[in-house]
Amino acid sequence: WGKVQEFYKEESVQDRLQNLTLTMLKQPKKAPKLRASAAQCRAL
């Protein structure tokens, strides 16, 4: 999450995640998938 925030600052990203938690990447008994809006995914 710290690295993501550095990237956001360096690149002046508009569509930012508010935070990044483990459950946003992988929910129990499910395949990994970033839980975010389309614009936030595109920006990452």
PDB file of all heavy atoms in Angstrom:
ATOM      1  N   TRP A   1       0.838  -1.204   0.000  1.00  0.00           N
ATOM      2  CA  TRP A   1       0.000   0.000   0.000  1.00  0.00           C
ATOM      3  C   TRP A   1       0.874   1.255   0.000  1.00  0.00           C
ATOM      4  O   TRP A   1       0.579   2.236  -0.688  1.00  0.00           O
ATOM      5  CB  TRP A   1      -0.948  -0.026   1.189  1.00  0.00           C
ATOM      6  CG  TRP A   1      -1.755   1.211   1.378  1.00  0.00           C
ATOM      7  CD1 TRP A   1      -1.835   1.965   2.506  1.00  0.00           C
ATOM      8  CD2 TRP A   1      -2.589   1.874   0.416  1.00  0.00           C
ATOM      9  NE1 TRP A   1      -2.672   3.042   2.306  1.00  0.00           N
ATOM     10  CE2 TRP A   1      -3.148   3.007   1.024  1.00  0.00           C
ATOM     11  CE3 TRP A   1      -2.917   1.614  -0.902  1.00  0.00           C
ATOM     12  CZ2 TRP A   1      -4.008   3.880   0.380  1.00  0.00           C
ATOM     13  CZ3 TRP A   1      -3.777   2.480  -1.571  1.00  0.00           C
ATOM     14  CH2 TRP A   1      -4.313   3.598  -0.930  1.00  0.00           C
ATOM     15  N   GLY A   2       1.965   1.226   0.748  1.00  0.00           N
ATOM     16  CA  GLY A   2       2.896   2.358   0.746  1.00  0.00           C
ATOM     17  C   GLY A   2       3.486   2.586  -0.640  1.00  0.00           C
ATOM     18  O   GLY A   2       3.617   3.729  -1.095  1.00  0.00           O
ATOM     19  N   LYS A   3       3.820   1.510  -1.340  1.00  0.00           N
ATOM     20  CA  LYS A   3       4.355   1.619  -2.703  1.00  0.00           C
ATOM     21  C   LYS A   3       3.298   2.167  -3.669  1.00  0.00           C
ATOM     22  O   LYS A   3       3.609   2.950  -4.558  1.00  0.00           O
ATOM     23  CB  LYS A   3       4.879   0.274  -3.182  1.00  0.00           C
ATOM     24  CG  LYS A   3       6.159  -0.149  -2.476  1.00  0.00           C
ATOM     25  CD  LYS A   3       6.713  -1.422  -3.084  1.00  0.00           C
ATOM     26  CE  LYS A   3       8.086  -1.728  -2.565  1.00  0.00           C
ATOM     27  NZ  LYS A   3       9.123  -0.822  -3.052  1.00  0.00           N
ATOM     28  N   VAL A   4       2.056   1.744  -3.481  1.00  0.00           N
ATOM     29  CA  VAL A   4       0.958   2.255  -4.312  1.00  0.00           C
ATOM     30  C   VAL A   4       0.813   3.757  -4.101  1.00  0.00           C
ATOM     31  O   VAL A   4       0.680   4.521  -5.065  1.00  0.00           O
ATOM     32  CB  VAL A   4      -0.371   1.518  -4.009  1.00  0.00           C
ATOM     33  CG1 VAL A   4      -1.553   2.221  -4.659  1.00  0.00           C
ATOM     34  CG2 VAL A   4      -0.307   0.061  -4.446  1.00  0.00           C
ATOM     35  N   GLN A   5       0.863   4.201  -2.856  1.00  0.00           N
ATOM     36  CA  GLN A   5       0.723   5.632  -2.556  1.00  0.00           C
ATOM     37  C   GLN A   5       1.871   6.447  -3.165  1.00  0.00           C
ATOM     38  O   GLN A   5       1.637   7.545  -3.677  1.00  0.00           O
ATOM     39  CB  GLN A   5       0.649   5.855  -1.047  1.00  0.00           C
ATOM     40  CG  GLN A   5      -0.662   5.364  -0.468  1.00  0.00           C
ATOM     41  CD  GLN A   5      -0.717   5.510   1.032  1.00  0.00           C
ATOM     42  OE1 GLN A   5       0.194   5.101   1.738  1.00  0.00           O
ATOM     43  NE2 GLN A   5      -1.794   6.107   1.511  1.00  0.00           N
ATOM     44  N   GLU A   6       3.086   5.892  -3.143  1.00  0.00           N
ATOM     45  CA  GLU A   6       4.223   6.572  -3.785  1.00  0.00           C
ATOM     46  C   GLU A   6       3.971   6.713  -5.288  1.00  0.00           C
ATOM     47  O   GLU A   6       4.220   7.769  -5.870  1.00  0.00           O
ATOM     48  CB  GLU A   6       5.510   5.772  -3.567  1.00  0.00           C
ATOM     49  CG  GLU A   6       6.065   5.831  -2.172  1.00  0.00           C
ATOM     50  CD  GLU A   6       7.244   4.885  -1.989  1.00  0.00           C
ATOM     51  OE1 GLU A   6       7.892   4.506  -2.993  1.00  0.00           O
ATOM     52  OE2 GLU A   6       7.515   4.517  -0.832  1.00  0.00           O
ATOM     53  N   PHE A   7       3.480   5.636  -5.902  1.00  0.00           N
ATOM     54  CA  PHE A   7       3.171   5.655  -7.333  1.00  0.00           C
ATOM     55  C   PHE A   7       2.112   6.712  -7.643  1.00  0.00           C
ATOM     56  O   PHE A   7       2.239   7.462  -8.614  1.00  0.00           O
ATOM     57  CB  PHE A   7       2.692   4.267  -7.781  1.00  0.00           C
ATOM     58  CG  PHE A   7       2.157   4.225  -9.187  1.00  0.00           C
ATOM     59  CD1 PHE A   7       3.026   4.210 -10.274  1.00  0.00           C
ATOM     60  CD2 PHE A   7       0.799   4.200  -9.422  1.00  0.00           C
ATOM     61  CE1 PHE A   7       2.542   4.176 -11.570  1.00  0.00           C
ATOM     62  CE2 PHE A   7       0.296   4.163 -10.715  1.00  0.00           C
ATOM     63  CZ  PHE A   7       1.170   4.147 -11.791  1.00  0.00           C
ATOM     64  N   TYR A   8       1.069   6.778  -6.815  1.00  0.00           N
ATOM     65  CA  TYR A   8       0.019   7.764  -7.019  1.00  0.00           C
ATOM     66  C   TYR A   8       0.588   9.184  -7.015  1.00  0.00           C
ATOM     67  O   TYR A   8       0.212  10.018  -7.840  1.00  0.00           O
ATOM     68  CB  TYR A   8      -1.045   7.644  -5.927  1.00  0.00           C
ATOM     69  CG  TYR A   8      -2.001   6.482  -6.075  1.00  0.00           C
ATOM     70  CD1 TYR A   8      -2.748   6.042  -4.994  1.00  0.00           C
ATOM     71  CD2 TYR A   8      -2.192   5.817  -7.288  1.00  0.00           C
ATOM     72  CE1 TYR A   8      -3.647   4.998  -5.105  1.00  0.00           C
ATOM     73  CE2 TYR A   8      -3.080   4.761  -7.404  1.00  0.00           C
ATOM     74  CZ  TYR A   8      -3.813   4.358  -6.305  1.00  0.00           C
ATOM     75  OH  TYR A   8      -4.694   3.329  -6.425  1.00  0.00           O
ATOM     76  N   LYS A   9       1.480   9.471  -6.070  1.00  0.00           N
ATOM     77  CA  LYS A   9       2.086  10.804  -5.985  1.00  0.00           C
ATOM     78  C   LYS A   9       2.958  11.091  -7.205  1.00  0.00           C
ATOM     79  O   LYS A   9       2.855  12.157  -7.810  1.00  0.00           O
ATOM     80  CB  LYS A   9       2.938  10.928  -4.725  1.00  0.00           C
ATOM     81  CG  LYS A   9       2.170  11.279  -3.495  1.00  0.00           C
ATOM     82  CD  LYS A   9       3.119  11.514  -2.330  1.00  0.00           C
ATOM     83  CE  LYS A   9       2.349  11.768  -1.057  1.00  0.00           C
ATOM     84  NZ  LYS A   9       3.228  11.877   0.098  1.00  0.00           N
ATOM     85  N   GLU A  10       3.831  10.140  -7.545  1.00  0.00           N
ATOM     86  CA  GLU A  10       4.764  10.326  -8.670  1.00  0.00           C
ATOM     87  C   GLU A  10       4.035  10.552  -9.989  1.00  0.00           C
ATOM     88  O   GLU A  10       4.451  11.359 -10.806  1.00  0.00           O
ATOM     89  CB  GLU A  10       5.675   9.098  -8.822  1.00  0.00           C
ATOM     90  CG  GLU A  10       6.691   8.931  -7.718  1.00  0.00           C
ATOM     91  CD  GLU A  10       7.390   7.586  -7.781  1.00  0.00           C
ATOM     92  OE1 GLU A  10       7.183   6.820  -8.762  1.00  0.00           O
ATOM     93  OE2 GLU A  10       8.150   7.285  -6.848  1.00  0.00           O
ATOM     94  N   GLU A  11       2.955   9.815 -10.195  1.00  0.00           N
ATOM     95  CA  GLU A  11       2.248   9.842 -11.476  1.00  0.00           C
ATOM     96  C   GLU A  11       1.009  10.738 -11.471  1.00  0.00           C
ATOM     97  O   GLU A  11       0.293  10.800 -12.473  1.00  0.00           O
ATOM     98  CB  GLU A  11       1.846   8.425 -11.889  1.00  0.00           C
ATOM     99  CG  GLU A  11       3.011   7.461 -12.037  1.00  0.00           C
ATOM    100  CD  GLU A  11       3.956   7.859 -13.155  1.00  0.00           C
ATOM    101  OE1 GLU A  11       3.480   8.345 -14.198  1.00  0.00           O
ATOM    102  OE2 GLU A  11       5.182   7.694 -12.975  1.00  0.00           O
ATOM    103  N   SER A  12       0.720  11.393 -10.363  1.00  0.00           N
ATOM    104  CA  SER A  12      -0.472  12.241 -10.212  1.00  0.00           C
ATOM    105  C   SER A  12      -1.743  11.509 -10.637  1.00  0.00           C
ATOM    106  O   SER A  12      -2.534  11.998 -11.444  1.00  0.00           O
ATOM    107  CB  SER A  12      -0.311  13.530 -11.020  1.00  0.00           C
ATOM    108  OG  SER A  12       0.815  14.245 -10.604  1.00  0.00           O
ATOM    109  N   VAL A  13      -1.936  10.334 -10.077  1.00  0.00           N
ATOM    110  CA  VAL A  13      -3.087   9.496 -10.421  1.00  0.00           C
ATOM    111  C   VAL A  13      -4.354  10.076  -9.796  1.00  0.00           C
ATOM    112  O   VAL A  13      -4.374  10.437  -8.622  1.00  0.00           O
ATOM    113  CB  VAL A  13      -2.855   8.041  -9.934  1.00  0.00           C
ATOM    114  CG1 VAL A  13      -4.090   7.184 -10.148  1.00  0.00           C
ATOM    115  CG2 VAL A  13      -1.647   7.441 -10.633  1.00  0.00           C
ATOM    116  N   GLN A  14      -5.397  10.168 -10.599  1.00  0.00           N
ATOM    117  CA  GLN A  14      -6.686  10.708 -10.135  1.00  0.00           C
ATOM    118  C   GLN A  14      -7.552   9.638  -9.455  1.00  0.00           C
ATOM    119  O   GLN A  14      -8.132   9.877  -8.411  1.00  0.00           O
ATOM    120  CB  GLN A  14      -7.463  11.271 -11.329  1.00  0.00           C
ATOM    121  CG  GLN A  14      -6.772  12.410 -12.024  1.00  0.00           C
ATOM    122  CD  GLN A  14      -7.164  13.744 -11.442  1.00  0.00           C
ATOM    123  OE1 GLN A  14      -8.228  13.880 -10.874  1.00  0.00           O
ATOM    124  NE2 GLN A  14      -6.308  14.725 -11.587  1.00  0.00           N
ATOM    125  N   ASP A  15      -7.649   8.484 -10.105  1.00  0.00           N
ATOM    126  CA  ASP A  15      -8.543   7.419  -9.633  1.00  0.00           C
ATOM    127  C   ASP A  15      -7.795   6.502  -8.674  1.00  0.00           C
ATOM    128  O   ASP A  15      -7.230   5.492  -9.061  1.00  0.00           O
ATOM    129  CB  ASP A  15      -9.094   6.638 -10.824  1.00  0.00           C
ATOM    130  CG  ASP A  15      -9.868   7.522 -11.773  1.00  0.00           C
ATOM    131  OD1 ASP A  15     -10.807   8.180 -11.303  1.00  0.00           O
ATOM    132  OD2 ASP A  15      -9.517   7.571 -12.960  1.00  0.00           O
ATOM    133  N   ARG A  16      -7.810   6.870  -7.411  1.00  0.00           N
ATOM    134  CA  ARG A  16      -7.008   6.189  -6.392  1.00  0.00           C
ATOM    135  C   ARG A  16      -7.840   5.282  -5.506  1.00  0.00           C
ATOM    136  O   ARG A  16      -8.992   5.589  -5.202  1.00  0.00           O
ATOM    137  CB  ARG A  16      -6.319   7.213  -5.497  1.00  0.00           C
ATOM    138  CG  ARG A  16      -5.402   8.149  -6.227  1.00  0.00           C
ATOM    139  CD  ARG A  16      -4.813   9.171  -5.294  1.00  0.00           C
ATOM    140  NE  ARG A  16      -3.895  10.048  -6.011  1.00  0.00           N
ATOM    141  CZ  ARG A  16      -2.900  10.706  -5.433  1.00  0.00           C
ATOM    142  NH1 ARG A  16      -2.715  10.600  -4.136  1.00  0.00           N
ATOM    143  NH2 ARG A  16      -2.116  11.469  -6.147  1.00  0.00           N
ATOM    144  N   LEU A  17      -7.216   4.214  -5.047  1.00  0.00           N
ATOM    145  CA  LEU A  17      -7.797   3.403  -3.990  1.00  0.00           C
ATOM    146  C   LEU A  17      -7.742   4.214  -2.702  1.00  0.00           C
ATOM    147  O   LEU A  17      -6.814   5.016  -2.515  1.00  0.00           O
ATOM    148  CB  LEU A  17      -6.995   2.119  -3.787  1.00  0.00           C
ATOM    149  CG  LEU A  17      -6.978   1.102  -4.917  1.00  0.00           C
ATOM    150  CD1 LEU A  17      -5.980  -0.010  -4.608  1.00  0.00           C
ATOM    151  CD2 LEU A  17      -8.359   0.515  -5.128  1.00  0.00           C
ATOM    152  N   GLN A  18      -8.677   4.010  -1.809  1.00  0.00           N
ATOM    153  CA  GLN A  18      -8.657   4.688  -0.517  1.00  0.00           C
ATOM    154  C   GLN A  18      -7.742   3.956   0.462  1.00  0.00           C
ATOM    155  O   GLN A  18      -7.195   4.548   1.382  1.00  0.00           O
ATOM    156  CB  GLN A  18     -10.069   4.797   0.056  1.00  0.00           C
ATOM    157  CG  GLN A  18     -11.001   5.615  -0.812  1.00  0.00           C
ATOM    158  CD  GLN A  18     -10.459   7.006  -1.098  1.00  0.00           C
ATOM    159  OE1 GLN A  18     -10.093   7.727  -0.191  1.00  0.00           O
ATOM    160  NE2 GLN A  18     -10.374   7.370  -2.369  1.00  0.00           N
ATOM    161  N   ASN A  19      -7.606   2.651   0.256  1.00  0.00           N
ATOM    162  CA  ASN A  19      -6.685   1.825   1.032  1.00  0.00           C
ATOM    163  C   ASN A  19      -6.490   0.506   0.277  1.00  0.00           C
ATOM    164  O   ASN A  19      -7.114   0.294  -0.761  1.00  0.00           O
ATOM    165  CB  ASN A  19      -7.216   1.579   2.452  1.00  0.00           C
ATOM    166  CG  ASN A  19      -8.503   0.782   2.466  1.00  0.00           C
ATOM    167  OD1 ASN A  19      -9.077   0.472   1.437  1.00  0.00           O
ATOM    168  ND2 ASN A  19      -8.973   0.456   3.645  1.00  0.00           N
ATOM    169  N   LEU A  20      -5.616  -0.326   0.780  1.00  0.00           N
ATOM    170  CA  LEU A  20      -5.386  -1.635   0.166  1.00  0.00           C
ATOM    171  C   LEU A  20      -5.221  -2.650   1.276  1.00  0.00           C
ATOM    172  O   LEU A  20      -4.292  -2.563   2.080  1.00  0.00           O
ATOM    173  CB  LEU A  20      -4.140  -1.615  -0.725  1.00  0.00           C
ATOM    174  CG  LEU A  20      -3.824  -2.916  -1.462  1.00  0.00           C
ATOM    175  CD1 LEU A  20      -4.937  -3.257  -2.451  1.00  0.00           C
ATOM    176  CD2 LEU A  20      -2.500  -2.821  -2.167  1.00  0.00           C
ATOM    177  N   THR A  21      -6.157  -3.571   1.344  1.00  0.00           N
ATOM    178  CA  THR A  21      -6.109  -4.615   2.360  1.00  0.00           C
ATOM    179  C   THR A  21      -5.998  -5.971   1.680  1.00  0.00           C
ATOM    180  O   THR A  21      -6.257  -6.092   0.482  1.00  0.00           O
ATOM    181  CB  THR A  21      -7.378  -4.597   3.229  1.00  0.00           C
ATOM    182  OG1 THR A  21      -8.510  -4.892   2.391  1.00  0.00           O
ATOM    183  CG2 THR A  21      -7.580  -3.248   3.909  1.00  0.00           C
ATOM    184  N   LEU A  22      -5.634  -6.960   2.459  1.00  0.00           N
ATOM    185  CA  LEU A  22      -5.503  -8.314   1.937  1.00  0.00           C
ATOM    186  C   LEU A  22      -6.825  -8.814   1.346  1.00  0.00           C
ATOM    187  O   LEU A  22      -6.839  -9.458   0.297  1.00  0.00           O
ATOM    188  CB  LEU A  22      -5.007  -9.254   3.038  1.00  0.00           C
ATOM    189  CG  LEU A  22      -4.714 -10.683   2.649  1.00  0.00           C
ATOM    190  CD1 LEU A  22      -3.716 -10.760   1.497  1.00  0.00           C
ATOM    191  CD2 LEU A  22      -4.189 -11.452   3.845  1.00  0.00           C
ATOM    192  N   THR A  23      -7.936  -8.474   1.968  1.00  0.00           N
ATOM    193  CA  THR A  23      -9.233  -8.938   1.459  1.00  0.00           C
ATOM    194  C   THR A  23      -9.639  -8.235   0.161  1.00  0.00           C
ATOM    195  O   THR A  23     -10.525  -8.711  -0.533  1.00  0.00           O
ATOM    196  CB  THR A  23     -10.355  -8.766   2.510  1.00  0.00           C
ATOM    197  OG1 THR A  23     -10.405  -7.406   2.924  1.00  0.00           O
ATOM    198  CG2 THR A  23     -10.133  -9.681   3.696  1.00  0.00           C
ATOM    199  N   MET A  24      -8.988  -7.119  -0.152  1.00  0.00           N
ATOM    200  CA  MET A  24      -9.251  -6.472  -1.444  1.00  0.00           C
ATOM    201  C   MET A  24      -8.541  -7.227  -2.574  1.00  0.00           C
ATOM    202  O   MET A  24      -8.890  -7.071  -3.738  1.00  0.00           O
ATOM    203  CB  MET A  24      -8.788  -5.013  -1.420  1.00  0.00           C
ATOM    204  CG  MET A  24      -9.665  -4.127  -0.568  1.00  0.00           C
ATOM    205  SD  MET A  24      -9.007  -2.457  -0.423  1.00  0.00           S
ATOM    206  CE  MET A  24      -9.251  -1.842  -2.076  1.00  0.00           C
ATOM    207  N   LEU A  25      -7.551  -8.028  -2.219  1.00  0.00           N
ATOM    208  CA  LEU A  25      -6.821  -8.828  -3.205  1.00  0.00           C
ATOM    209  C   LEU A  25      -7.305 -10.270  -3.249  1.00  0.00           C
ATOM    210  O   LEU A  25      -7.349 -10.875  -4.309  1.00  0.00           O
ATOM    211  CB  LEU A  25      -5.317  -8.815  -2.892  1.00  0.00           C
ATOM    212  CG  LEU A  25      -4.625  -7.464  -2.930  1.00  0.00           C
ATOM    213  CD1 LEU A  25      -3.178  -7.613  -2.477  1.00  0.00           C
ATOM    214  CD2 LEU A  25      -4.693  -6.867  -4.317  1.00  0.00           C
ATOM    215  N   LYS A  26      -7.628 -10.807  -2.088  1.00  0.00           N
ATOM    216  CA  LYS A  26      -8.035 -12.219  -2.031  1.00  0.00           C
ATOM    217  C   LYS A  26      -9.034 -12.409  -0.912  1.00  0.00           C
ATOM    218  O   LYS A  26      -8.744 -12.130   0.241  1.00  0.00           O
ATOM    219  CB  LYS A  26      -6.790 -13.089  -1.771  1.00  0.00           C
ATOM    220  CG  LYS A  26      -7.067 -14.531  -1.447  1.00  0.00           C
ATOM    221  CD  LYS A  26      -6.922 -15.390  -2.659  1.00  0.00           C
ATOM    222  CE  LYS A  26      -7.043 -16.866  -2.360  1.00  0.00           C
ATOM    223  NZ  LYS A  26      -8.367 -17.338  -2.103  1.00  0.00           N
ATOM    224  N   GLN A  27     -10.212 -12.867  -1.279  1.00  0.00           N
ATOM    225  CA  GLN A  27     -11.225 -13.188  -0.280  1.00  0.00           C
ATOM    226  C   GLN A  27     -11.192 -14.688  -0.024  1.00  0.00           C
ATOM    227  O   GLN A  27     -10.852 -15.461  -0.926  1.00  0.00           O
ATOM    228  CB  GLN A  27     -12.602 -12.742  -0.752  1.00  0.00           C
ATOM    229  CG  GLN A  27     -12.701 -11.229  -0.840  1.00  0.00           C
ATOM    230  CD  GLN A  27     -14.102 -10.744  -1.160  1.00  0.00           C
ATOM    231  OE1 GLN A  27     -14.947 -11.503  -1.593  1.00  0.00           O
ATOM    232  NE2 GLN A  27     -14.321  -9.464  -0.950  1.00  0.00           N
ATOM    233  N   PRO A  28     -11.531 -15.112   1.189  1.00  0.00           N
ATOM    234  CA  PRO A  28     -11.479 -16.537   1.516  1.00  0.00           C
ATOM    235  C   PRO A  28     -12.292 -17.387   0.534  1.00  0.00           C
ATOM    236  O   PRO A  28     -13.396 -17.010   0.127  1.00  0.00           O
ATOM    237  CB  PRO A  28     -12.096 -16.610   2.921  1.00  0.00           C
ATOM    238  CG  PRO A  28     -11.936 -15.230   3.469  1.00  0.00           C
ATOM    239  CD  PRO A  28     -12.002 -14.298   2.303  1.00  0.00           C
ATOM    240  N   LYS A  29     -11.698 -18.487   0.131  1.00  0.00           N
ATOM    241  CA  LYS A  29     -12.331 -19.477  -0.757  1.00  0.00           C
ATOM    242  C   LYS A  29     -12.638 -18.936  -2.148  1.00  0.00           C
ATOM    243  O   LYS A  29     -13.491 -19.459  -2.848  1.00  0.00           O
ATOM    244  CB  LYS A  29     -13.586 -20.063  -0.121  1.00  0.00           C
ATOM    245  CG  LYS A  29     -13.314 -20.790   1.185  1.00  0.00           C
ATOM    246  CD  LYS A  29     -14.566 -21.406   1.758  1.00  0.00           C
ATOM    247  CE  LYS A  29     -14.229 -22.067   3.080  1.00  0.00           C
ATOM    248  NZ  LYS A  29     -15.375 -22.691   3.699  1.00  0.00           N
ATOM    249  N   LYS A  30     -11.984 -17.843  -2.530  1.00  0.00           N
ATOM    250  CA  LYS A  30     -12.156 -17.281  -3.866  1.00  0.00           C
ATOM    251  C   LYS A  30     -10.790 -17.062  -4.491  1.00  0.00           C
ATOM    252  O   LYS A  30      -9.788 -16.927  -3.787  1.00  0.00           O
ATOM    253  CB  LYS A  30     -12.916 -15.951  -3.824  1.00  0.00           C
ATOM    254  CG  LYS A  30     -14.371 -16.079  -3.452  1.00  0.00           C
ATOM    255  CD  LYS A  30     -15.070 -14.757  -3.618  1.00  0.00           C
ATOM    256  CE  LYS A  30     -16.557 -14.899  -3.323  1.00  0.00           C
ATOM    257  NZ  LYS A  30     -17.265 -13.647  -3.555  1.00  0.00           N
ATOM    258  N   ALA A  31     -10.766 -17.003  -5.802  1.00  0.00           N
ATOM    259  CA  ALA A  31      -9.516 -16.714  -6.511  1.00  0.00           C
ATOM    260  C   ALA A  31      -9.142 -15.250  -6.298  1.00  0.00           C
ATOM    261  O   ALA A  31     -10.011 -14.413  -6.066  1.00  0.00           O
ATOM    262  CB  ALA A  31      -9.695 -16.998  -8.003  1.00  0.00           C
ATOM    263  N   PRO A  32      -7.851 -14.926  -6.368  1.00  0.00           N
ATOM    264  CA  PRO A  32      -7.444 -13.526  -6.227  1.00  0.00           C
ATOM    265  C   PRO A  32      -8.097 -12.634  -7.283  1.00  0.00           C
ATOM    266  O   PRO A  32      -8.240 -13.021  -8.438  1.00  0.00           O
ATOM    267  CB  PRO A  32      -5.930 -13.566  -6.437  1.00  0.00           C
ATOM    268  CG  PRO A  32      -5.542 -14.950  -6.086  1.00  0.00           C
ATOM    269  CD  PRO A  32      -6.698 -15.807  -6.516  1.00  0.00           C
ATOM    270  N   LYS A  33      -8.516 -11.468  -6.859  1.00  0.00           N
ATOM    271  CA  LYS A  33      -9.111 -10.469  -7.757  1.00  0.00           C
ATOM    272  C   LYS A  33      -9.092  -9.153  -7.010  1.00  0.00           C
ATOM    273  O   LYS A  33      -9.519  -9.089  -5.855  1.00  0.00           O
ATOM    274  CB  LYS A  33     -10.543 -10.848  -8.117  1.00  0.00           C
ATOM    275  CG  LYS A  33     -11.218  -9.839  -9.020  1.00  0.00           C
ATOM    276  CD  LYS A  33     -12.614 -10.287  -9.410  1.00  0.00           C
ATOM    277  CE  LYS A  33     -13.194  -9.307 -10.408  1.00  0.00           C
ATOM    278  NZ  LYS A  33     -13.783  -9.968 -11.544  1.00  0.00           N
ATOM    279  N   LEU A  34      -8.585  -8.112  -7.648  1.00  0.00           N
ATOM    280  CA  LEU A  34      -8.575  -6.799  -7.007  1.00  0.00           C
ATOM    281  C   LEU A  34      -9.995  -6.278  -6.934  1.00  0.00           C
ATOM    282  O   LEU A  34     -10.678  -6.137  -7.954  1.00  0.00           O
ATOM    283  CB  LEU A  34      -7.684  -5.828  -7.788  1.00  0.00           C
ATOM    284  CG  LEU A  34      -7.637  -4.400  -7.253  1.00  0.00           C
ATOM    285  CD1 LEU A  34      -7.051  -4.356  -5.844  1.00  0.00           C
ATOM    286  CD2 LEU A  34      -6.849  -3.506  -8.176  1.00  0.00           C
ATOM    287  N   ARG A  35     -10.450  -5.988  -5.738  1.00  0.00           N
ATOM    288  CA  ARG A  35     -11.778  -5.423  -5.533  1.00  0.00           C
ATOM    289  C   ARG A  35     -11.646  -3.904  -5.589  1.00  0.00           C
ATOM    290  O   ARG A  35     -11.206  -3.275  -4.626  1.00  0.00           O
ATOM    291  CB  ARG A  35     -12.361  -5.844  -4.190  1.00  0.00           C
ATOM    292  CG  ARG A  35     -12.432  -7.334  -3.905  1.00  0.00           C
ATOM    293  CD  ARG A  35     -13.248  -8.082  -4.927  1.00  0.00           C
ATOM    294  NE  ARG A  35     -13.528  -9.452  -4.512  1.00  0.00           N
ATOM    295  CZ  ARG A  35     -13.024 -10.527  -5.103  1.00  0.00           C
ATOM    296  NH1 ARG A  35     -12.190 -10.407  -6.108  1.00  0.00           N
ATOM    297  NH2 ARG A  35     -13.366 -11.732  -4.725  1.00  0.00           N
ATOM    298  N   ALA A  36     -11.969  -3.338  -6.744  1.00  0.00           N
ATOM    299  CA  ALA A  36     -11.840  -1.893  -6.953  1.00  0.00           C
ATOM    300  C   ALA A  36     -12.717  -1.496  -8.128  1.00  0.00           C
ATOM    301  O   ALA A  36     -13.207  -2.355  -8.868  1.00  0.00           O
ATOM    302  CB  ALA A  36     -10.387  -1.541  -7.230  1.00  0.00           C
ATOM    303  N   SER A  37     -12.880  -0.208  -8.314  1.00  0.00           N
ATOM    304  CA  SER A  37     -13.652   0.268  -9.462  1.00  0.00           C
ATOM    305  C   SER A  37     -12.840   0.056 -10.734  1.00  0.00           C
ATOM    306  O   SER A  37     -11.627  -0.168 -10.689  1.00  0.00           O
ATOM    307  CB  SER A  37     -13.979   1.758  -9.306  1.00  0.00           C
ATOM    308  OG  SER A  37     -12.816   2.534  -9.520  1.00  0.00           O
ATOM    309  N   ALA A  38     -13.508   0.163 -11.859  1.00  0.00           N
ATOM    310  CA  ALA A  38     -12.840  -0.004 -13.152  1.00  0.00           C
ATOM    311  C   ALA A  38     -11.727   1.024 -13.314  1.00  0.00           C
ATOM    312  O   ALA A  38     -10.614   0.690 -13.741  1.00  0.00           O
ATOM    313  CB  ALA A  38     -13.850   0.122 -14.286  1.00  0.00           C
ATOM    314  N   ALA A  39     -11.980   2.260 -12.963  1.00  0.00           N
ATOM    315  CA  ALA A  39     -10.974   3.320 -13.104  1.00  0.00           C
ATOM    316  C   ALA A  39      -9.783   3.081 -12.183  1.00  0.00           C
ATOM    317  O   ALA A  39      -8.637   3.322 -12.566  1.00  0.00           O
ATOM    318  CB  ALA A  39     -11.603   4.679 -12.820  1.00  0.00           C
ATOM    319  N   GLN A  40     -10.042   2.596 -10.984  1.00  0.00           N
ATOM    320  CA  GLN A  40      -8.954   2.313 -10.049  1.00  0.00           C
ATOM    321  C   GLN A  40      -8.089   1.155 -10.544  1.00  0.00           C
ATOM    322  O   GLN A  40      -6.868   1.199 -10.431  1.00  0.00           O
ATOM    323  CB  GLN A  40      -9.517   2.004  -8.662  1.00  0.00           C
ATOM    324  CG  GLN A  40     -10.145   3.201  -7.998  1.00  0.00           C
ATOM    325  CD  GLN A  40     -10.983   2.838  -6.784  1.00  0.00           C
ATOM    326  OE1 GLN A  40     -11.468   1.721  -6.646  1.00  0.00           O
ATOM    327  NE2 GLN A  40     -11.163   3.808  -5.891  1.00  0.00           N
ATOM    328  N   CYS A  41      -8.717   0.140 -11.114  1.00  0.00           N
ATOM    329  CA  CYS A  41      -7.968  -0.988 -11.698  1.00  0.00           C
ATOM    330  C   CYS A  41      -7.113  -0.500 -12.851  1.00  0.00           C
ATOM    331  O   CYS A  41      -5.918  -0.806 -12.935  1.00  0.00           O
ATOM    332  CB  CYS A  41      -8.921  -2.074 -12.193  1.00  0.00           C
ATOM    333  SG  CYS A  41      -9.616  -3.099 -10.900  1.00  0.00           S
ATOM    334  N   ARG A  42      -7.716   0.246 -13.739  1.00  0.00           N
ATOM    335  CA  ARG A  42      -7.021   0.775 -14.918  1.00  0.00           C
ATOM    336  C   ARG A  42      -5.795   1.584 -14.502  1.00  0.00           C
ATOM    337  O   ARG A  42      -4.734   1.478 -15.101  1.00  0.00           O
ATOM    338  CB  ARG A  42      -8.007   1.633 -15.716  1.00  0.00           C
ATOM    339  CG  ARG A  42      -7.618   1.955 -17.104  1.00  0.00           C
ATOM    340  CD  ARG A  42      -8.730   2.646 -17.903  1.00  0.00           C
ATOM    341  NE  ARG A  42      -9.682   3.463 -17.175  1.00  0.00           N
ATOM    342  CZ  ARG A  42     -10.953   3.135 -16.950  1.00  0.00           C
ATOM    343  NH1 ARG A  42     -11.461   2.004 -17.409  1.00  0.00           N
ATOM    344  NH2 ARG A  42     -11.752   3.942 -16.290  1.00  0.00           N
ATOM    345  N   ALA A  43      -5.930   2.383 -13.451  1.00  0.00           N
ATOM    346  CA  ALA A  43      -4.829   3.228 -12.987  1.00  0.00           C
ATOM    347  C   ALA A  43      -3.695   2.416 -12.373  1.00  0.00           C
ATOM    348  O   ALA A  43      -2.551   2.874 -12.352  1.00  0.00           O
ATOM    349  CB  ALA A  43      -5.350   4.245 -11.973  1.00  0.00           C
ATOM    350  N   LEU A  44      -3.986   1.216 -11.876  1.00  0.00           N
ATOM    351  CA  LEU A  44      -2.958   0.400 -11.229  1.00  0.00           C
ATOM    352  C   LEU A  44      -2.197  -0.509 -12.191  1.00  0.00           C
ATOM    353  O   LEU A  44      -1.198  -1.113 -11.801  1.00  0.00           O
ATOM    354  CB  LEU A  44      -3.581  -0.442 -10.117  1.00  0.00           C
ATOM    355  CG  LEU A  44      -3.861   0.309  -8.825  1.00  0.00           C
ATOM    356  CD1 LEU A  44      -4.594  -0.587  -7.835  1.00  0.00           C
ATOM    357  CD2 LEU A  44      -2.581   0.847  -8.213  1.00  0.00           C
TER     358      LEU A  44
END
